[in-house]
Amino acid sequence: MSRRIFVGDIHGHYAGLMTLLEKIALNTDDQLYFVGDLIDRGPQSAEVVDYVITHQHPCVLGNHEQLLLDAFADDVLSGQALHAWLYSGGQSTLSSYNDDADLLMTHIEWLRSLPLYRDLGDIWLVHAGINPSLSLADQSIEEYCWIRDTFHNAPQPYFQDKLIVTGHTITFTFPDIKPGQIVSGPGWLDIDTGAYHPKSGWLTGVDIDNELVHQVNVFESTHRVRSLEEACSPFSGGRRRMMA
């Protein structure tokens, strides 16, 4: 039986991703999806992007990819946008290309092709979320790549027949959520467990159909598999903790 596996924000941790996929033991019929933020902060962003491109795994645009694209708008470096990207972890991404400008530009062209969301029928994959007060036609890249509290605090599901799977917001920033836990709310599931962050280090892959959560700690090289029920904590509303 084929599996649909959704991987949270990787942020350049290629070695951790390879360990996670080794533990998951992908079959040829399995479908692997990425929720964006492949790049920045971690040491091997170029390798992560190259892997996703080479294996043609579906991915959506994350806010860190958008920051890079803004910095290279029309292939001309923009000073203000470049500064914003570098400040947000872009320097480690640049370093991962080892001055290979051709490879960087090839990857940028691919990033420009990424959709803002993917509708898989029962799953709606998007990096950050949806503004609950807007129709789909009125949503923008700001909502899909950047939204947080407005989406998470919505009392009702946006879709009646779809689960929204997101990354973007590190789960331990929600009230009473421990590092490594994933978080659920009305009609949504957040799987960004903060792989790059020293407080966590957990990179998450969710086998949605078998309700299993595979995790690798990129700093400690540890691995665990838990049921979705065990790994997931509910969010009932409130303010998130701000990251240090």
C-alpha atoms as a PDB file:
ATOM      1  CA  MET A   1       0.000   0.000   0.000  1.00  0.00           C
ATOM      2  CA  SER A   2       1.378   3.394  -0.988  1.00  0.00           C
ATOM      3  CA  ARG A   3       1.929   6.079   1.628  1.00  0.00           C
ATOM      4  CA  ARG A   4       1.601   9.862   1.505  1.00  0.00           C
ATOM      5  CA  ILE A   5       4.337  11.413   3.609  1.00  0.00           C
ATOM      6  CA  PHE A   6       4.565  15.118   4.406  1.00  0.00           C
ATOM      7  CA  VAL A   7       7.899  16.597   5.507  1.00  0.00           C
ATOM      8  CA  GLY A   8       8.108  19.730   7.637  1.00  0.00           C
ATOM      9  CA  ASP A   9      10.460  22.689   7.219  1.00  0.00           C
ATOM     10  CA  ILE A  10      13.983  21.379   6.563  1.00  0.00           C
ATOM     11  CA  HIS A  11      15.951  24.640   6.549  1.00  0.00           C
ATOM     12  CA  GLY A  12      19.059  23.260   4.898  1.00  0.00           C
ATOM     13  CA  HIS A  13      19.488  20.138   7.041  1.00  0.00           C
ATOM     14  CA  TYR A  14      20.162  17.728   4.194  1.00  0.00           C
ATOM     15  CA  ALA A  15      21.925  15.107   6.318  1.00  0.00           C
ATOM     16  CA  GLY A  16      18.947  15.030   8.683  1.00  0.00           C
ATOM     17  CA  LEU A  17      16.568  14.702   5.738  1.00  0.00           C
ATOM     18  CA  MET A  18      18.528  11.753   4.338  1.00  0.00           C
ATOM     19  CA  THR A  19      18.454  10.046   7.731  1.00  0.00           C
ATOM     20  CA  LEU A  20      14.716  10.663   8.043  1.00  0.00           C
ATOM     21  CA  LEU A  21      14.015   9.205   4.598  1.00  0.00           C
ATOM     22  CA  GLU A  22      16.255   6.226   5.319  1.00  0.00           C
ATOM     23  CA  LYS A  23      14.249   5.493   8.466  1.00  0.00           C
ATOM     24  CA  ILE A  24      10.944   5.942   6.644  1.00  0.00           C
ATOM     25  CA  ALA A  25      12.212   3.518   3.959  1.00  0.00           C
ATOM     26  CA  LEU A  26      10.366   4.911   0.970  1.00  0.00           C
ATOM     27  CA  ASN A  27       8.851   2.518  -1.522  1.00  0.00           C
ATOM     28  CA  THR A  28       8.510   3.302  -5.213  1.00  0.00           C
ATOM     29  CA  ASP A  29       4.756   3.814  -4.784  1.00  0.00           C
ATOM     30  CA  ASP A  30       5.084   6.235  -1.873  1.00  0.00           C
ATOM     31  CA  GLN A  31       4.356   9.921  -2.406  1.00  0.00           C
ATOM     32  CA  LEU A  32       6.612  12.428  -0.649  1.00  0.00           C
ATOM     33  CA  TYR A  33       5.519  16.046  -0.210  1.00  0.00           C
ATOM     34  CA  PHE A  34       7.430  19.063   1.113  1.00  0.00           C
ATOM     35  CA  VAL A  35       5.785  21.972   2.890  1.00  0.00           C
ATOM     36  CA  GLY A  36       8.365  24.602   1.890  1.00  0.00           C
ATOM     37  CA  ASP A  37      11.279  26.288   3.661  1.00  0.00           C
ATOM     38  CA  LEU A  38      13.767  23.866   2.179  1.00  0.00           C
ATOM     39  CA  ILE A  39      16.465  26.497   2.568  1.00  0.00           C
ATOM     40  CA  ASP A  40      18.208  28.955   4.941  1.00  0.00           C
ATOM     41  CA  ARG A  41      19.742  28.670   8.412  1.00  0.00           C
ATOM     42  CA  GLY A  42      21.047  25.109   8.014  1.00  0.00           C
ATOM     43  CA  PRO A  43      24.325  24.184   6.269  1.00  0.00           C
ATOM     44  CA  GLN A  44      23.176  22.293   3.132  1.00  0.00           C
ATOM     45  CA  SER A  45      20.371  24.184   1.435  1.00  0.00           C
ATOM     46  CA  ALA A  46      21.736  23.581  -2.073  1.00  0.00           C
ATOM     47  CA  GLU A  47      21.763  19.826  -1.459  1.00  0.00           C
ATOM     48  CA  VAL A  48      18.192  19.850  -0.163  1.00  0.00           C
ATOM     49  CA  VAL A  49      16.867  21.741  -3.187  1.00  0.00           C
ATOM     50  CA  ASP A  50      18.852  19.540  -5.554  1.00  0.00           C
ATOM     51  CA  TYR A  51      17.402  16.411  -3.974  1.00  0.00           C
ATOM     52  CA  VAL A  52      13.801  17.623  -4.302  1.00  0.00           C
ATOM     53  CA  ILE A  53      14.349  18.698  -7.911  1.00  0.00           C
ATOM     54  CA  THR A  54      16.157  15.495  -8.916  1.00  0.00           C
ATOM     55  CA  HIS A  55      13.482  13.238  -7.451  1.00  0.00           C
ATOM     56  CA  GLN A  56      10.615  15.461  -8.626  1.00  0.00           C
ATOM     57  CA  HIS A  57       8.882  15.493  -5.266  1.00  0.00           C
ATOM     58  CA  PRO A  58       5.962  17.927  -4.986  1.00  0.00           C
ATOM     59  CA  CYS A  59       6.667  21.014  -2.887  1.00  0.00           C
ATOM     60  CA  VAL A  60       4.981  24.328  -2.119  1.00  0.00           C
ATOM     61  CA  LEU A  61       6.584  27.735  -1.821  1.00  0.00           C
ATOM     62  CA  GLY A  62       7.720  28.757   1.655  1.00  0.00           C
ATOM     63  CA  ASN A  63       8.413  32.241   2.954  1.00  0.00           C
ATOM     64  CA  HIS A  64      12.167  31.604   2.914  1.00  0.00           C
ATOM     65  CA  GLU A  65      12.049  30.646  -0.755  1.00  0.00           C
ATOM     66  CA  GLN A  66      10.053  33.818  -1.357  1.00  0.00           C
ATOM     67  CA  LEU A  67      12.677  35.887   0.453  1.00  0.00           C
ATOM     68  CA  LEU A  68      15.331  34.454  -1.868  1.00  0.00           C
ATOM     69  CA  LEU A  69      13.210  35.136  -4.953  1.00  0.00           C
ATOM     70  CA  ASP A  70      12.618  38.716  -3.829  1.00  0.00           C
ATOM     71  CA  ALA A  71      16.375  39.156  -3.413  1.00  0.00           C
ATOM     72  CA  PHE A  72      16.953  37.953  -6.976  1.00  0.00           C
ATOM     73  CA  ALA A  73      13.954  39.602  -8.628  1.00  0.00           C
ATOM     74  CA  ASP A  74      14.509  39.791 -12.398  1.00  0.00           C
ATOM     75  CA  ASP A  75      17.939  38.222 -11.759  1.00  0.00           C
ATOM     76  CA  VAL A  76      19.126  41.561 -10.382  1.00  0.00           C
ATOM     77  CA  LEU A  77      20.083  41.740  -6.717  1.00  0.00           C
ATOM     78  CA  SER A  78      17.850  44.061  -4.740  1.00  0.00           C
ATOM     79  CA  GLY A  79      19.639  45.702  -1.813  1.00  0.00           C
ATOM     80  CA  GLN A  80      16.768  45.886   0.674  1.00  0.00           C
ATOM     81  CA  ALA A  81      15.362  42.471  -0.236  1.00  0.00           C
ATOM     82  CA  LEU A  82      18.836  40.945  -0.209  1.00  0.00           C
ATOM     83  CA  HIS A  83      19.450  42.298   3.267  1.00  0.00           C
ATOM     84  CA  ALA A  84      16.129  40.845   4.483  1.00  0.00           C
ATOM     85  CA  TRP A  85      16.987  37.426   3.061  1.00  0.00           C
ATOM     86  CA  LEU A  86      20.523  37.367   4.453  1.00  0.00           C
ATOM     87  CA  TYR A  87      19.221  38.474   7.848  1.00  0.00           C
ATOM     88  CA  SER A  88      16.751  35.570   7.794  1.00  0.00           C
ATOM     89  CA  GLY A  89      19.388  32.895   7.195  1.00  0.00           C
ATOM     90  CA  GLY A  90      20.234  33.398   3.549  1.00  0.00           C
ATOM     91  CA  GLN A  91      23.972  33.631   4.138  1.00  0.00           C
ATOM     92  CA  SER A  92      24.160  29.918   4.945  1.00  0.00           C
ATOM     93  CA  THR A  93      22.257  29.194   1.744  1.00  0.00           C
ATOM     94  CA  LEU A  94      24.683  31.221  -0.350  1.00  0.00           C
ATOM     95  CA  SER A  95      27.606  29.437   1.282  1.00  0.00           C
ATOM     96  CA  SER A  96      26.105  26.030   0.441  1.00  0.00           C
ATOM     97  CA  TYR A  97      26.447  26.765  -3.298  1.00  0.00           C
ATOM     98  CA  ASN A  98      30.240  27.153  -3.031  1.00  0.00           C
ATOM     99  CA  ASP A  99      30.274  30.009  -5.571  1.00  0.00           C
ATOM    100  CA  ASP A 100      28.435  27.871  -8.160  1.00  0.00           C
ATOM    101  CA  ALA A 101      26.339  30.696  -9.598  1.00  0.00           C
ATOM    102  CA  ASP A 102      24.948  28.526 -12.413  1.00  0.00           C
ATOM    103  CA  LEU A 103      23.550  25.980  -9.968  1.00  0.00           C
ATOM    104  CA  LEU A 104      22.076  28.746  -7.827  1.00  0.00           C
ATOM    105  CA  MET A 105      20.317  30.326 -10.791  1.00  0.00           C
ATOM    106  CA  THR A 106      19.025  26.925 -11.949  1.00  0.00           C
ATOM    107  CA  HIS A 107      17.544  26.368  -8.512  1.00  0.00           C
ATOM    108  CA  ILE A 108      16.058  29.868  -8.460  1.00  0.00           C
ATOM    109  CA  GLU A 109      14.249  29.158 -11.732  1.00  0.00           C
ATOM    110  CA  TRP A 110      12.790  26.003 -10.194  1.00  0.00           C
ATOM    111  CA  LEU A 111      11.748  27.870  -7.054  1.00  0.00           C
ATOM    112  CA  ARG A 112       9.886  30.350  -9.223  1.00  0.00           C
ATOM    113  CA  SER A 113       7.779  27.475 -10.533  1.00  0.00           C
ATOM    114  CA  LEU A 114       6.600  26.305  -7.105  1.00  0.00           C
ATOM    115  CA  PRO A 115       2.869  26.633  -6.414  1.00  0.00           C
ATOM    116  CA  LEU A 116       1.536  28.425  -3.355  1.00  0.00           C
ATOM    117  CA  TYR A 117      -0.590  25.410  -2.433  1.00  0.00           C
ATOM    118  CA  ARG A 118      -1.474  21.896  -3.567  1.00  0.00           C
ATOM    119  CA  ASP A 119      -4.991  20.490  -3.398  1.00  0.00           C
ATOM    120  CA  LEU A 120      -4.737  16.724  -2.935  1.00  0.00           C
ATOM    121  CA  GLY A 121      -8.439  16.144  -2.436  1.00  0.00           C
ATOM    122  CA  ASP A 122      -8.622  15.383   1.267  1.00  0.00           C
ATOM    123  CA  ILE A 123      -5.378  17.275   2.037  1.00  0.00           C
ATOM    124  CA  TRP A 124      -4.653  20.936   1.262  1.00  0.00           C
ATOM    125  CA  LEU A 125      -0.913  21.559   1.470  1.00  0.00           C
ATOM    126  CA  VAL A 126       0.273  25.128   2.065  1.00  0.00           C
ATOM    127  CA  HIS A 127       3.279  26.602   3.812  1.00  0.00           C
ATOM    128  CA  ALA A 128       1.714  28.952   6.387  1.00  0.00           C
ATOM    129  CA  GLY A 129      -2.075  28.776   6.220  1.00  0.00           C
ATOM    130  CA  ILE A 130      -5.156  30.620   4.988  1.00  0.00           C
ATOM    131  CA  ASN A 131      -6.919  33.794   6.074  1.00  0.00           C
ATOM    132  CA  PRO A 132     -10.258  32.487   7.393  1.00  0.00           C
ATOM    133  CA  SER A 133     -12.072  35.706   6.461  1.00  0.00           C
ATOM    134  CA  LEU A 134     -11.111  35.597   2.763  1.00  0.00           C
ATOM    135  CA  SER A 135     -12.237  33.435  -0.130  1.00  0.00           C
ATOM    136  CA  LEU A 136      -9.605  31.376  -1.924  1.00  0.00           C
ATOM    137  CA  ALA A 137      -9.764  33.819  -4.826  1.00  0.00           C
ATOM    138  CA  ASP A 138      -8.799  36.682  -2.495  1.00  0.00           C
ATOM    139  CA  GLN A 139      -5.890  34.957  -0.746  1.00  0.00           C
ATOM    140  CA  SER A 140      -2.387  36.144  -1.624  1.00  0.00           C
ATOM    141  CA  ILE A 141       1.191  35.108  -1.104  1.00  0.00           C
ATOM    142  CA  GLU A 142       1.086  37.003   2.193  1.00  0.00           C
ATOM    143  CA  GLU A 143      -1.508  34.596   3.557  1.00  0.00           C
ATOM    144  CA  TYR A 144      -0.148  31.407   2.015  1.00  0.00           C
ATOM    145  CA  CYS A 145       3.491  31.997   2.991  1.00  0.00           C
ATOM    146  CA  TRP A 146       3.374  34.238   6.071  1.00  0.00           C
ATOM    147  CA  ILE A 147       0.115  34.055   8.055  1.00  0.00           C
ATOM    148  CA  ARG A 148       0.178  32.809  11.655  1.00  0.00           C
ATOM    149  CA  ASP A 149      -2.205  33.808  14.459  1.00  0.00           C
ATOM    150  CA  THR A 150      -5.174  34.827  12.313  1.00  0.00           C
ATOM    151  CA  PHE A 151      -5.193  31.353  10.793  1.00  0.00           C
ATOM    152  CA  HIS A 152      -4.418  29.385  13.952  1.00  0.00           C
ATOM    153  CA  ASN A 153      -7.052  31.131  16.068  1.00  0.00           C
ATOM    154  CA  ALA A 154      -9.933  30.581  13.652  1.00  0.00           C
ATOM    155  CA  PRO A 155     -12.649  28.701  15.597  1.00  0.00           C
ATOM    156  CA  GLN A 156     -13.952  26.754  12.599  1.00  0.00           C
ATOM    157  CA  PRO A 157     -12.246  24.718   9.845  1.00  0.00           C
ATOM    158  CA  TYR A 158     -11.767  26.576   6.579  1.00  0.00           C
ATOM    159  CA  PHE A 159     -12.665  23.452   4.598  1.00  0.00           C
ATOM    160  CA  GLN A 160     -15.301  20.956   5.624  1.00  0.00           C
ATOM    161  CA  ASP A 161     -13.743  18.099   3.636  1.00  0.00           C
ATOM    162  CA  LYS A 162      -9.994  18.838   3.656  1.00  0.00           C
ATOM    163  CA  LEU A 163      -7.238  18.841   6.257  1.00  0.00           C
ATOM    164  CA  ILE A 164      -4.837  21.772   5.842  1.00  0.00           C
ATOM    165  CA  VAL A 165      -1.233  20.636   6.386  1.00  0.00           C
ATOM    166  CA  THR A 166       1.238  23.438   7.065  1.00  0.00           C
ATOM    167  CA  GLY A 167       4.710  24.223   8.301  1.00  0.00           C
ATOM    168  CA  HIS A 168       6.073  27.753   8.911  1.00  0.00           C
ATOM    169  CA  THR A 169       5.215  28.166  12.604  1.00  0.00           C
ATOM    170  CA  ILE A 170       7.475  26.159  14.910  1.00  0.00           C
ATOM    171  CA  THR A 171       5.216  24.071  17.070  1.00  0.00           C
ATOM    172  CA  PHE A 172       6.919  24.710  20.417  1.00  0.00           C
ATOM    173  CA  THR A 173       5.923  28.374  20.099  1.00  0.00           C
ATOM    174  CA  PHE A 174       2.320  27.357  20.778  1.00  0.00           C
ATOM    175  CA  PRO A 175       1.233  27.402  24.441  1.00  0.00           C
ATOM    176  CA  ASP A 176       2.194  24.278  26.411  1.00  0.00           C
ATOM    177  CA  ILE A 177       3.665  22.453  23.393  1.00  0.00           C
ATOM    178  CA  LYS A 178       6.933  20.612  23.912  1.00  0.00           C
ATOM    179  CA  PRO A 179       9.700  20.599  21.278  1.00  0.00           C
ATOM    180  CA  GLY A 180       9.069  17.814  18.795  1.00  0.00           C
ATOM    181  CA  GLN A 181       5.289  17.720  19.196  1.00  0.00           C
ATOM    182  CA  ILE A 182       3.183  18.553  16.169  1.00  0.00           C
ATOM    183  CA  VAL A 183       0.064  20.686  16.636  1.00  0.00           C
ATOM    184  CA  SER A 184      -3.524  20.413  15.424  1.00  0.00           C
ATOM    185  CA  GLY A 185      -6.360  22.900  15.322  1.00  0.00           C
ATOM    186  CA  PRO A 186      -9.802  23.068  13.687  1.00  0.00           C
ATOM    187  CA  GLY A 187      -9.135  21.544  10.260  1.00  0.00           C
ATOM    188  CA  TRP A 188      -5.348  21.984  10.280  1.00  0.00           C
ATOM    189  CA  LEU A 189      -2.109  20.235  11.213  1.00  0.00           C
ATOM    190  CA  ASP A 190       1.228  22.056  11.730  1.00  0.00           C
ATOM    191  CA  ILE A 191       4.312  19.836  11.206  1.00  0.00           C
ATOM    192  CA  ASP A 192       7.167  22.367  11.550  1.00  0.00           C
ATOM    193  CA  THR A 193       8.966  21.048  14.632  1.00  0.00           C
ATOM    194  CA  GLY A 194      11.928  23.428  14.346  1.00  0.00           C
ATOM    195  CA  ALA A 195      14.683  21.309  12.786  1.00  0.00           C
ATOM    196  CA  TYR A 196      17.137  24.221  12.726  1.00  0.00           C
ATOM    197  CA  HIS A 197      16.374  25.528  16.202  1.00  0.00           C
ATOM    198  CA  PRO A 198      18.728  24.524  19.076  1.00  0.00           C
ATOM    199  CA  LYS A 199      15.718  24.143  21.375  1.00  0.00           C
ATOM    200  CA  SER A 200      14.360  21.359  19.171  1.00  0.00           C
ATOM    201  CA  GLY A 201      16.331  19.881  16.269  1.00  0.00           C
ATOM    202  CA  TRP A 202      13.439  17.611  15.314  1.00  0.00           C
ATOM    203  CA  LEU A 203      12.690  17.118  11.614  1.00  0.00           C
ATOM    204  CA  THR A 204       9.289  15.556  11.029  1.00  0.00           C
ATOM    205  CA  GLY A 205       7.745  13.354   8.363  1.00  0.00           C
ATOM    206  CA  VAL A 206       4.045  12.496   8.749  1.00  0.00           C
ATOM    207  CA  ASP A 207       2.664   9.342   7.156  1.00  0.00           C
ATOM    208  CA  ILE A 208      -0.839  10.710   6.998  1.00  0.00           C
ATOM    209  CA  ASP A 209      -2.646   7.572   5.828  1.00  0.00           C
ATOM    210  CA  ASN A 210      -1.156   5.265   8.451  1.00  0.00           C
ATOM    211  CA  GLU A 211      -1.231   8.018  11.113  1.00  0.00           C
ATOM    212  CA  LEU A 212       2.457   7.641  11.949  1.00  0.00           C
ATOM    213  CA  VAL A 213       4.964  10.394  12.742  1.00  0.00           C
ATOM    214  CA  HIS A 214       8.635   9.768  11.900  1.00  0.00           C
ATOM    215  CA  GLN A 215      11.199  12.136  13.415  1.00  0.00           C
ATOM    216  CA  VAL A 216      14.971  12.595  13.339  1.00  0.00           C
ATOM    217  CA  ASN A 217      16.875  14.975  15.579  1.00  0.00           C
ATOM    218  CA  VAL A 218      19.428  16.678  13.345  1.00  0.00           C
ATOM    219  CA  PHE A 219      21.718  17.533  16.260  1.00  0.00           C
ATOM    220  CA  GLU A 220      21.638  14.251  18.157  1.00  0.00           C
ATOM    221  CA  SER A 221      21.110  11.787  15.253  1.00  0.00           C
ATOM    222  CA  THR A 222      18.264  10.128  17.145  1.00  0.00           C
ATOM    223  CA  HIS A 223      15.146   8.712  15.517  1.00  0.00           C
ATOM    224  CA  ARG A 224      11.674   7.911  16.765  1.00  0.00           C
ATOM    225  CA  VAL A 225       8.332   6.764  15.394  1.00  0.00           C
ATOM    226  CA  ARG A 226       5.092   7.560  17.163  1.00  0.00           C
ATOM    227  CA  SER A 227       1.415   7.364  16.404  1.00  0.00           C
ATOM    228  CA  LEU A 228      -0.151  10.576  15.177  1.00  0.00           C
ATOM    229  CA  GLU A 229      -2.289  10.640  18.310  1.00  0.00           C
ATOM    230  CA  GLU A 230       0.772  10.390  20.561  1.00  0.00           C
ATOM    231  CA  ALA A 231       2.847  12.942  18.624  1.00  0.00           C
ATOM    232  CA  CYS A 232       0.109  15.556  18.167  1.00  0.00           C
ATOM    233  CA  SER A 233      -1.105  18.125  20.684  1.00  0.00           C
ATOM    234  CA  PRO A 234      -4.256  20.226  20.211  1.00  0.00           C
ATOM    235  CA  PHE A 235      -4.194  24.020  20.108  1.00  0.00           C
ATOM    236  CA  SER A 236      -7.311  25.590  21.553  1.00  0.00           C
ATOM    237  CA  GLY A 237      -6.419  29.207  20.864  1.00  0.00           C
ATOM    238  CA  GLY A 238      -4.364  31.936  22.455  1.00  0.00           C
ATOM    239  CA  ARG A 239      -1.080  33.681  21.816  1.00  0.00           C
ATOM    240  CA  ARG A 240       2.067  31.886  20.747  1.00  0.00           C
ATOM    241  CA  ARG A 241       5.356  32.355  22.528  1.00  0.00           C
ATOM    242  CA  MET A 242       7.687  34.622  20.596  1.00  0.00           C
ATOM    243  CA  MET A 243      10.920  32.999  19.552  1.00  0.00           C
ATOM    244  CA  ALA A 244      14.173  34.125  21.121  1.00  0.00           C
END
